Amino acid sequence: MSCVFKSSNSFRAYRNLLQFQTILGYRPNSHQFSQTIFLPSRFSNLINKIRESYPINDITPKELHSLLNPESPSKKNPIIIDVREKDEQERGIIPTAIPLPRGILERDVERKVVSVDEINSAENGRNLVVYCAGGMRSIMAAESLIRLGYKKENVKNLKGGYEDWKEGGFEVEDYEAKKRG
């Protein structure tokens, strides 16, 4: 059985009901279809187990946007980590986000972003916000950060990920321009 979704909202509404199906996703701006084999039952079970073991705090795009106040001191703004793959990041990135794909997060987070000791210090007062395309891989990334020693109250998952951020009408940056800048 194949299903066609013209928006990410319809996809989200049905993703937990699907069992081992091929999904054809339409990309409105590219006039192309992408085909993905989707195994939601196992993946959803994994995400649910992570949420049970490590209660991951979610933050909505609206809440995150309100924290990104350009007039507030930057050391209090959250540190945003984009755990999507490079080809996804090239389509746009949340302003101030640090691109660090999920596959190298554990290896590079302290070197490229912030150390466990620095983020956990009482005077720091900053949060780490991780996001992916839809908010699932970032849950696994948040779990990894907690296992590495980051305090769970300092680690947040952007609910709905980049797609909900973009659909909310919030600003996105060009990845290539950010790399050059």
N, C-alpha and C. Protein backbone atom coordinates (compact mmCIF):
# COMPACT_ATOMS: atom_id res chain seq x y z
N MET A 1 0.85 -1.18 0.00
CA MET A 1 0.00 0.00 0.00
C MET A 1 0.89 1.24 0.00
N SER A 2 0.59 2.20 -0.84
CA SER A 2 1.32 3.47 -0.90
C SER A 2 0.38 4.60 -0.54
N CYS A 3 0.93 5.64 0.09
CA CYS A 3 0.15 6.81 0.47
C CYS A 3 0.85 8.05 -0.07
N VAL A 4 0.09 9.03 -0.48
CA VAL A 4 0.66 10.29 -0.95
C VAL A 4 0.24 11.38 0.02
N PHE A 5 1.22 12.16 0.49
CA PHE A 5 0.95 13.25 1.41
C PHE A 5 1.43 14.54 0.75
N LYS A 6 0.57 15.53 0.72
CA LYS A 6 0.94 16.80 0.10
C LYS A 6 1.47 17.78 1.12
N SER A 7 1.39 17.47 2.39
CA SER A 7 1.96 18.36 3.41
C SER A 7 2.51 17.51 4.54
N SER A 8 3.44 18.11 5.27
CA SER A 8 4.03 17.37 6.39
C SER A 8 3.01 17.14 7.50
N ASN A 9 1.98 17.99 7.60
CA ASN A 9 0.96 17.80 8.64
C ASN A 9 0.18 16.52 8.41
N SER A 10 -0.20 16.24 7.13
CA SER A 10 -0.93 15.00 6.88
C SER A 10 -0.05 13.79 7.13
N PHE A 11 1.23 13.93 6.80
CA PHE A 11 2.17 12.85 7.06
C PHE A 11 2.25 12.57 8.56
N ARG A 12 2.39 13.63 9.36
CA ARG A 12 2.48 13.46 10.81
C ARG A 12 1.22 12.82 11.38
N ALA A 13 0.07 13.17 10.84
CA ALA A 13 -1.19 12.65 11.36
C ALA A 13 -1.31 11.15 11.19
N TYR A 14 -0.69 10.63 10.14
CA TYR A 14 -0.83 9.20 9.86
C TYR A 14 0.40 8.37 10.17
N ARG A 15 1.53 8.99 10.50
CA ARG A 15 2.76 8.21 10.62
C ARG A 15 2.70 7.13 11.70
N ASN A 16 1.95 7.37 12.77
CA ASN A 16 1.87 6.35 13.82
C ASN A 16 0.89 5.23 13.49
N LEU A 17 0.09 5.42 12.46
CA LEU A 17 -0.87 4.39 12.07
C LEU A 17 -0.32 3.45 11.00
N LEU A 18 0.77 3.83 10.39
CA LEU A 18 1.31 3.06 9.26
C LEU A 18 2.15 1.88 9.75
N GLN A 19 2.09 0.80 9.02
CA GLN A 19 2.89 -0.37 9.33
C GLN A 19 3.64 -0.81 8.08
N PHE A 20 4.97 -0.68 8.07
CA PHE A 20 5.82 -1.20 6.99
C PHE A 20 5.30 -0.84 5.60
N GLN A 21 5.10 0.43 5.35
CA GLN A 21 4.57 0.86 4.07
C GLN A 21 5.57 1.75 3.35
N THR A 22 5.42 1.80 2.05
CA THR A 22 6.19 2.74 1.25
C THR A 22 5.40 4.03 1.16
N ILE A 23 6.06 5.12 1.46
CA ILE A 23 5.39 6.41 1.45
C ILE A 23 5.97 7.25 0.33
N LEU A 24 5.09 7.78 -0.51
CA LEU A 24 5.53 8.71 -1.54
C LEU A 24 5.26 10.11 -1.03
N GLY A 25 6.31 10.89 -0.84
CA GLY A 25 6.15 12.25 -0.34
C GLY A 25 6.36 13.26 -1.45
N TYR A 26 5.44 14.18 -1.58
CA TYR A 26 5.54 15.21 -2.61
C TYR A 26 6.22 16.43 -2.02
N ARG A 27 7.21 16.96 -2.72
CA ARG A 27 7.87 18.19 -2.31
C ARG A 27 7.32 19.31 -3.18
N PRO A 28 6.45 20.15 -2.63
CA PRO A 28 5.74 21.14 -3.43
C PRO A 28 6.64 22.06 -4.26
N ASN A 29 7.73 22.52 -3.71
CA ASN A 29 8.57 23.48 -4.42
C ASN A 29 9.46 22.83 -5.47
N SER A 30 9.72 21.54 -5.34
CA SER A 30 10.63 20.89 -6.28
C SER A 30 9.89 20.11 -7.36
N HIS A 31 8.58 19.92 -7.20
CA HIS A 31 7.78 19.14 -8.14
C HIS A 31 8.32 17.73 -8.30
N GLN A 32 8.82 17.17 -7.21
CA GLN A 32 9.37 15.82 -7.22
C GLN A 32 8.74 15.01 -6.11
N PHE A 33 8.74 13.71 -6.32
CA PHE A 33 8.31 12.80 -5.28
C PHE A 33 9.54 12.13 -4.68
N SER A 34 9.51 11.89 -3.40
CA SER A 34 10.57 11.09 -2.79
C SER A 34 9.92 9.84 -2.23
N GLN A 35 10.64 8.76 -2.26
CA GLN A 35 10.10 7.48 -1.80
C GLN A 35 10.92 7.01 -0.62
N THR A 36 10.24 6.66 0.45
CA THR A 36 10.91 6.23 1.67
C THR A 36 10.21 5.00 2.21
N ILE A 37 10.99 4.03 2.64
CA ILE A 37 10.43 2.90 3.38
C ILE A 37 10.34 3.34 4.83
N PHE A 38 9.20 3.22 5.42
CA PHE A 38 8.96 3.75 6.75
C PHE A 38 8.59 2.61 7.69
N LEU A 39 9.31 2.47 8.77
CA LEU A 39 9.03 1.43 9.77
C LEU A 39 8.66 2.11 11.08
N PRO A 40 7.48 2.71 11.14
CA PRO A 40 7.15 3.52 12.30
C PRO A 40 6.97 2.75 13.58
N SER A 41 6.54 1.51 13.52
CA SER A 41 6.26 0.82 14.77
C SER A 41 7.54 0.61 15.57
N ARG A 42 8.61 0.16 14.96
CA ARG A 42 9.87 -0.04 15.68
C ARG A 42 10.50 1.29 16.06
N PHE A 43 10.50 2.23 15.14
CA PHE A 43 11.09 3.53 15.42
C PHE A 43 10.32 4.25 16.52
N SER A 44 8.99 4.23 16.43
CA SER A 44 8.16 4.86 17.46
C SER A 44 8.38 4.20 18.82
N ASN A 45 8.52 2.87 18.82
CA ASN A 45 8.80 2.18 20.08
C ASN A 45 10.11 2.64 20.68
N LEU A 46 11.14 2.80 19.84
CA LEU A 46 12.44 3.28 20.32
C LEU A 46 12.31 4.67 20.92
N ILE A 47 11.64 5.56 20.22
CA ILE A 47 11.46 6.93 20.71
C ILE A 47 10.69 6.93 22.03
N ASN A 48 9.63 6.12 22.13
CA ASN A 48 8.85 6.04 23.37
C ASN A 48 9.69 5.51 24.52
N LYS A 49 10.55 4.53 24.26
CA LYS A 49 11.43 3.99 25.31
C LYS A 49 12.42 5.04 25.78
N ILE A 50 12.94 5.83 24.85
CA ILE A 50 13.86 6.91 25.22
C ILE A 50 13.13 7.91 26.10
N ARG A 51 11.94 8.29 25.70
CA ARG A 51 11.16 9.27 26.48
C ARG A 51 10.84 8.75 27.88
N GLU A 52 10.63 7.43 28.01
CA GLU A 52 10.35 6.85 29.33
C GLU A 52 11.62 6.82 30.19
N SER A 53 12.75 6.47 29.59
CA SER A 53 14.00 6.34 30.33
C SER A 53 14.60 7.70 30.68
N TYR A 54 14.56 8.61 29.74
CA TYR A 54 15.12 9.94 29.92
C TYR A 54 14.04 10.95 29.55
N PRO A 55 13.27 11.40 30.51
CA PRO A 55 12.22 12.37 30.16
C PRO A 55 12.85 13.58 29.45
N ILE A 56 12.61 13.67 28.16
CA ILE A 56 13.18 14.74 27.35
C ILE A 56 12.22 15.92 27.37
N ASN A 57 12.74 17.08 27.71
CA ASN A 57 11.93 18.29 27.72
C ASN A 57 11.78 18.83 26.31
N ASP A 58 10.54 19.08 25.91
CA ASP A 58 10.28 19.67 24.60
C ASP A 58 10.16 21.18 24.73
N ILE A 59 10.49 21.86 23.64
CA ILE A 59 10.27 23.30 23.53
C ILE A 59 9.61 23.51 22.17
N THR A 60 8.59 24.33 22.12
CA THR A 60 7.89 24.57 20.85
C THR A 60 8.67 25.62 20.04
N PRO A 61 8.44 25.65 18.74
CA PRO A 61 9.08 26.70 17.94
C PRO A 61 8.77 28.11 18.45
N LYS A 62 7.54 28.34 18.87
CA LYS A 62 7.16 29.67 19.38
C LYS A 62 7.94 30.00 20.65
N GLU A 63 8.07 29.02 21.55
CA GLU A 63 8.83 29.25 22.79
C GLU A 63 10.30 29.53 22.49
N LEU A 64 10.87 28.75 21.57
CA LEU A 64 12.27 28.96 21.20
C LEU A 64 12.46 30.33 20.58
N HIS A 65 11.58 30.70 19.68
CA HIS A 65 11.68 32.01 19.03
C HIS A 65 11.66 33.13 20.07
N SER A 66 10.82 33.01 21.08
CA SER A 66 10.73 34.05 22.11
C SER A 66 12.02 34.14 22.93
N LEU A 67 12.77 33.03 23.03
CA LEU A 67 14.05 33.06 23.76
C LEU A 67 15.18 33.66 22.95
N LEU A 68 15.02 33.70 21.64
CA LEU A 68 16.06 34.22 20.76
C LEU A 68 15.89 35.73 20.60
N ASN A 69 15.97 36.42 21.69
CA ASN A 69 15.79 37.87 21.70
C ASN A 69 17.12 38.54 21.41
N PRO A 70 17.22 39.26 20.30
CA PRO A 70 18.50 39.88 19.96
C PRO A 70 18.95 40.95 20.95
N GLU A 71 18.02 41.44 21.77
CA GLU A 71 18.38 42.46 22.75
C GLU A 71 18.86 41.88 24.08
N SER A 72 18.64 40.58 24.30
CA SER A 72 19.10 39.98 25.55
C SER A 72 20.55 39.56 25.39
N PRO A 73 21.27 39.45 26.51
CA PRO A 73 22.68 39.04 26.41
C PRO A 73 22.79 37.66 25.77
N SER A 74 23.68 37.54 24.79
CA SER A 74 23.79 36.29 24.03
C SER A 74 24.20 35.12 24.90
N LYS A 75 24.84 35.37 26.04
CA LYS A 75 25.24 34.23 26.87
C LYS A 75 24.05 33.58 27.58
N LYS A 76 22.87 34.21 27.55
CA LYS A 76 21.67 33.60 28.13
C LYS A 76 20.80 32.94 27.07
N ASN A 77 21.01 33.28 25.79
CA ASN A 77 20.24 32.64 24.73
C ASN A 77 20.58 31.16 24.68
N PRO A 78 19.63 30.32 24.29
CA PRO A 78 19.94 28.88 24.20
C PRO A 78 20.94 28.61 23.09
N ILE A 79 21.68 27.53 23.25
CA ILE A 79 22.58 27.06 22.21
C ILE A 79 21.78 26.06 21.38
N ILE A 80 21.66 26.32 20.09
CA ILE A 80 20.84 25.48 19.22
C ILE A 80 21.74 24.60 18.37
N ILE A 81 21.45 23.30 18.36
CA ILE A 81 22.23 22.34 17.59
C ILE A 81 21.33 21.68 16.55
N ASP A 82 21.73 21.78 15.29
CA ASP A 82 21.01 21.17 14.17
C ASP A 82 21.64 19.80 13.92
N VAL A 83 20.91 18.72 14.23
CA VAL A 83 21.46 17.36 14.09
C VAL A 83 21.06 16.71 12.76
N ARG A 84 20.50 17.49 11.84
CA ARG A 84 20.16 16.94 10.52
C ARG A 84 21.44 16.70 9.72
N GLU A 85 21.30 15.93 8.66
CA GLU A 85 22.42 15.67 7.76
C GLU A 85 22.72 16.92 6.93
N LYS A 86 23.93 16.97 6.40
CA LYS A 86 24.38 18.16 5.66
C LYS A 86 23.43 18.52 4.51
N ASP A 87 22.95 17.53 3.76
CA ASP A 87 22.06 17.84 2.64
C ASP A 87 20.75 18.46 3.11
N GLU A 88 20.30 18.11 4.32
CA GLU A 88 19.10 18.73 4.88
C GLU A 88 19.40 20.16 5.33
N GLN A 89 20.57 20.34 5.94
CA GLN A 89 20.96 21.66 6.42
C GLN A 89 21.12 22.64 5.26
N GLU A 90 21.53 22.14 4.12
CA GLU A 90 21.74 23.01 2.95
C GLU A 90 20.44 23.64 2.46
N ARG A 91 19.30 23.09 2.86
CA ARG A 91 17.99 23.65 2.48
C ARG A 91 17.55 24.77 3.42
N GLY A 92 18.31 25.00 4.47
CA GLY A 92 17.99 26.06 5.42
C GLY A 92 18.31 25.62 6.84
N ILE A 93 18.58 26.59 7.69
CA ILE A 93 18.97 26.31 9.06
C ILE A 93 18.39 27.41 9.96
N ILE A 94 18.07 27.07 11.19
CA ILE A 94 17.55 28.05 12.14
C ILE A 94 18.69 29.01 12.50
N PRO A 95 18.42 30.33 12.52
CA PRO A 95 19.48 31.28 12.87
C PRO A 95 20.13 30.93 14.21
N THR A 96 21.40 31.12 14.30
CA THR A 96 22.29 30.84 15.44
C THR A 96 22.55 29.35 15.66
N ALA A 97 21.90 28.47 14.89
CA ALA A 97 22.10 27.03 15.09
C ALA A 97 23.50 26.62 14.65
N ILE A 98 24.03 25.64 15.37
CA ILE A 98 25.33 25.06 15.05
C ILE A 98 25.07 23.74 14.35
N PRO A 99 25.51 23.60 13.09
CA PRO A 99 25.29 22.34 12.38
C PRO A 99 26.21 21.25 12.91
N LEU A 100 25.62 20.19 13.44
CA LEU A 100 26.38 19.07 13.98
C LEU A 100 25.55 17.80 13.76
N PRO A 101 25.73 17.14 12.62
CA PRO A 101 24.90 15.98 12.29
C PRO A 101 24.88 14.92 13.39
N ARG A 102 23.76 14.26 13.51
CA ARG A 102 23.53 13.23 14.54
C ARG A 102 24.65 12.19 14.59
N GLY A 103 25.18 11.81 13.45
CA GLY A 103 26.20 10.77 13.40
C GLY A 103 27.51 11.12 14.08
N ILE A 104 27.79 12.41 14.29
CA ILE A 104 29.05 12.81 14.93
C ILE A 104 28.82 13.64 16.19
N LEU A 105 27.59 13.71 16.63
CA LEU A 105 27.24 14.54 17.79
C LEU A 105 28.08 14.19 19.02
N GLU A 106 28.07 12.93 19.41
CA GLU A 106 28.76 12.53 20.64
C GLU A 106 30.26 12.82 20.55
N ARG A 107 30.83 12.62 19.38
CA ARG A 107 32.26 12.82 19.20
C ARG A 107 32.66 14.30 19.27
N ASP A 108 31.83 15.18 18.70
CA ASP A 108 32.25 16.56 18.49
C ASP A 108 31.55 17.62 19.34
N VAL A 109 30.54 17.26 20.11
CA VAL A 109 29.74 18.29 20.79
C VAL A 109 30.58 19.13 21.76
N GLU A 110 31.46 18.52 22.53
CA GLU A 110 32.24 19.31 23.49
C GLU A 110 33.28 20.18 22.80
N ARG A 111 33.80 19.70 21.69
CA ARG A 111 34.83 20.45 20.97
C ARG A 111 34.22 21.58 20.14
N LYS A 112 33.08 21.34 19.51
CA LYS A 112 32.50 22.33 18.59
C LYS A 112 31.40 23.19 19.21
N VAL A 113 30.83 22.75 20.31
CA VAL A 113 29.68 23.48 20.86
C VAL A 113 30.00 24.00 22.25
N VAL A 114 29.86 23.15 23.25
CA VAL A 114 30.08 23.57 24.64
C VAL A 114 30.36 22.34 25.49
N SER A 115 31.25 22.49 26.47
CA SER A 115 31.59 21.35 27.32
C SER A 115 30.49 21.07 28.33
N VAL A 116 30.49 19.85 28.82
CA VAL A 116 29.52 19.44 29.85
C VAL A 116 29.66 20.35 31.06
N ASP A 117 30.89 20.57 31.52
CA ASP A 117 31.11 21.39 32.72
C ASP A 117 30.61 22.81 32.53
N GLU A 118 30.86 23.37 31.36
CA GLU A 118 30.44 24.75 31.11
C GLU A 118 28.92 24.89 31.10
N ILE A 119 28.22 24.01 30.43
CA ILE A 119 26.76 24.13 30.33
C ILE A 119 26.09 23.78 31.67
N ASN A 120 26.71 22.89 32.44
CA ASN A 120 26.12 22.48 33.72
C ASN A 120 26.41 23.45 34.85
N SER A 121 27.32 24.42 34.65
CA SER A 121 27.66 25.35 35.73
C SER A 121 26.45 26.22 36.06
N ALA A 122 26.28 26.49 37.34
CA ALA A 122 25.11 27.23 37.81
C ALA A 122 25.04 28.63 37.22
N GLU A 123 26.18 29.27 37.03
CA GLU A 123 26.17 30.65 36.52
C GLU A 123 25.90 30.73 35.01
N ASN A 124 25.99 29.61 34.32
CA ASN A 124 25.79 29.63 32.87
C ASN A 124 24.34 29.94 32.52
N GLY A 125 23.42 29.17 33.04
CA GLY A 125 21.99 29.42 32.83
C GLY A 125 21.50 29.24 31.40
N ARG A 126 22.25 28.54 30.57
CA ARG A 126 21.84 28.35 29.17
C ARG A 126 21.35 26.93 28.96
N ASN A 127 20.52 26.78 27.95
CA ASN A 127 20.01 25.47 27.56
C ASN A 127 20.59 25.06 26.21
N LEU A 128 20.63 23.76 25.99
CA LEU A 128 20.95 23.21 24.68
C LEU A 128 19.62 22.80 24.04
N VAL A 129 19.36 23.28 22.84
CA VAL A 129 18.16 22.89 22.11
C VAL A 129 18.61 22.15 20.87
N VAL A 130 18.16 20.90 20.73
CA VAL A 130 18.52 20.11 19.55
C VAL A 130 17.29 19.98 18.65
N TYR A 131 17.57 19.98 17.34
CA TYR A 131 16.46 19.78 16.41
C TYR A 131 16.92 19.00 15.20
N CYS A 132 15.94 18.33 14.58
CA CYS A 132 16.15 17.62 13.32
C CYS A 132 15.01 18.06 12.40
N ALA A 133 14.67 17.28 11.42
CA ALA A 133 13.61 17.68 10.49
C ALA A 133 12.24 17.67 11.16
N GLY A 134 11.92 16.59 11.89
CA GLY A 134 10.58 16.46 12.46
C GLY A 134 10.52 16.26 13.95
N GLY A 135 11.65 16.24 14.63
CA GLY A 135 11.65 16.13 16.08
C GLY A 135 11.87 14.74 16.63
N MET A 136 12.24 13.77 15.78
CA MET A 136 12.46 12.40 16.26
C MET A 136 13.95 12.11 16.48
N ARG A 137 14.78 12.35 15.47
CA ARG A 137 16.23 12.12 15.65
C ARG A 137 16.77 12.99 16.77
N SER A 138 16.18 14.17 16.93
CA SER A 138 16.66 15.06 17.98
C SER A 138 16.34 14.52 19.37
N ILE A 139 15.31 13.70 19.50
CA ILE A 139 15.05 13.05 20.79
C ILE A 139 16.20 12.10 21.11
N MET A 140 16.66 11.36 20.11
CA MET A 140 17.81 10.47 20.33
C MET A 140 19.06 11.28 20.62
N ALA A 141 19.21 12.43 19.97
CA ALA A 141 20.36 13.30 20.23
C ALA A 141 20.30 13.84 21.65
N ALA A 142 19.12 14.24 22.10
CA ALA A 142 18.96 14.74 23.47
C ALA A 142 19.32 13.66 24.48
N GLU A 143 18.89 12.43 24.21
CA GLU A 143 19.25 11.31 25.09
C GLU A 143 20.76 11.16 25.15
N SER A 144 21.42 11.24 24.02
CA SER A 144 22.88 11.11 23.98
C SER A 144 23.56 12.21 24.80
N LEU A 145 23.05 13.43 24.69
CA LEU A 145 23.64 14.53 25.45
C LEU A 145 23.49 14.29 26.95
N ILE A 146 22.33 13.79 27.37
CA ILE A 146 22.11 13.49 28.79
C ILE A 146 23.06 12.38 29.23
N ARG A 147 23.22 11.35 28.42
CA ARG A 147 24.15 10.26 28.75
C ARG A 147 25.60 10.74 28.83
N LEU A 148 25.93 11.76 28.04
CA LEU A 148 27.28 12.33 28.08
C LEU A 148 27.52 13.16 29.34
N GLY A 149 26.45 13.47 30.06
CA GLY A 149 26.61 14.20 31.31
C GLY A 149 25.95 15.56 31.35
N TYR A 150 25.36 16.00 30.26
CA TYR A 150 24.64 17.27 30.28
C TYR A 150 23.38 17.08 31.13
N LYS A 151 23.09 18.05 32.00
CA LYS A 151 21.91 17.94 32.86
C LYS A 151 20.64 17.92 32.01
N LYS A 152 19.72 16.99 32.37
CA LYS A 152 18.50 16.86 31.56
C LYS A 152 17.66 18.13 31.56
N GLU A 153 17.74 18.92 32.63
CA GLU A 153 16.96 20.17 32.64
C GLU A 153 17.55 21.23 31.70
N ASN A 154 18.80 21.01 31.25
CA ASN A 154 19.44 21.95 30.31
C ASN A 154 19.30 21.51 28.86
N VAL A 155 18.75 20.33 28.61
CA VAL A 155 18.65 19.78 27.26
C VAL A 155 17.19 19.79 26.82
N LYS A 156 16.94 20.39 25.66
CA LYS A 156 15.57 20.49 25.14
C LYS A 156 15.52 19.98 23.71
N ASN A 157 14.37 19.42 23.34
CA ASN A 157 14.09 18.95 21.99
C ASN A 157 13.11 19.92 21.35
N LEU A 158 13.43 20.41 20.15
CA LEU A 158 12.50 21.29 19.44
C LEU A 158 11.36 20.44 18.90
N LYS A 159 10.20 20.59 19.50
CA LYS A 159 9.03 19.80 19.12
C LYS A 159 8.64 20.10 17.68
N GLY A 160 8.54 19.05 16.86
CA GLY A 160 8.18 19.22 15.45
C GLY A 160 9.36 19.59 14.57
N GLY A 161 10.51 19.86 15.17
CA GLY A 161 11.74 20.11 14.43
C GLY A 161 11.70 21.29 13.48
N TYR A 162 12.60 21.22 12.51
CA TYR A 162 12.77 22.28 11.53
C TYR A 162 11.48 22.53 10.74
N GLU A 163 10.75 21.45 10.44
CA GLU A 163 9.53 21.61 9.64
C GLU A 163 8.50 22.47 10.37
N ASP A 164 8.30 22.24 11.67
CA ASP A 164 7.34 23.06 12.42
C ASP A 164 7.86 24.49 12.59
N TRP A 165 9.18 24.64 12.76
CA TRP A 165 9.78 25.98 12.84
C TRP A 165 9.47 26.77 11.56
N LYS A 166 9.73 26.14 10.44
CA LYS A 166 9.53 26.79 9.14
C LYS A 166 8.05 27.06 8.89
N GLU A 167 7.18 26.07 9.20
CA GLU A 167 5.74 26.24 9.01
C GLU A 167 5.18 27.32 9.92
N GLY A 168 5.85 27.56 11.05
CA GLY A 168 5.43 28.62 11.96
C GLY A 168 5.77 30.02 11.46
N GLY A 169 6.48 30.08 10.33
CA GLY A 169 6.82 31.37 9.74
C GLY A 169 8.05 32.02 10.34
N PHE A 170 8.83 31.26 11.10
CA PHE A 170 10.01 31.82 11.73
C PHE A 170 11.18 31.85 10.75
N GLU A 171 12.11 32.74 11.01
CA GLU A 171 13.24 32.97 10.10
C GLU A 171 14.13 31.73 9.96
N VAL A 172 14.60 31.52 8.73
CA VAL A 172 15.61 30.50 8.45
C VAL A 172 16.75 31.18 7.69
N GLU A 173 17.93 30.61 7.83
CA GLU A 173 19.11 31.15 7.16
C GLU A 173 19.56 30.20 6.07
N ASP A 174 20.24 30.76 5.10
CA ASP A 174 20.88 29.97 4.06
C ASP A 174 22.15 29.35 4.65
N TYR A 175 22.26 28.03 4.57
CA TYR A 175 23.38 27.30 5.16
C TYR A 175 24.71 27.72 4.57
N GLU A 176 24.79 27.85 3.26
CA GLU A 176 26.05 28.22 2.60
C GLU A 176 26.50 29.61 3.02
N ALA A 177 25.56 30.55 3.12
CA ALA A 177 25.89 31.90 3.56
C ALA A 177 26.38 31.89 5.00
N LYS A 178 25.78 31.03 5.83
CA LYS A 178 26.19 30.93 7.22
C LYS A 178 27.62 30.39 7.32
N LYS A 179 27.95 29.39 6.48
CA LYS A 179 29.30 28.83 6.48
C LYS A 179 30.34 29.88 6.10
N ARG A 180 30.00 30.72 5.11
CA ARG A 180 30.94 31.75 4.66
C ARG A 180 31.07 32.87 5.68
N GLY A 181 29.95 33.16 6.38
CA GLY A 181 29.91 34.29 7.30
C GLY A 181 30.67 34.05 8.53
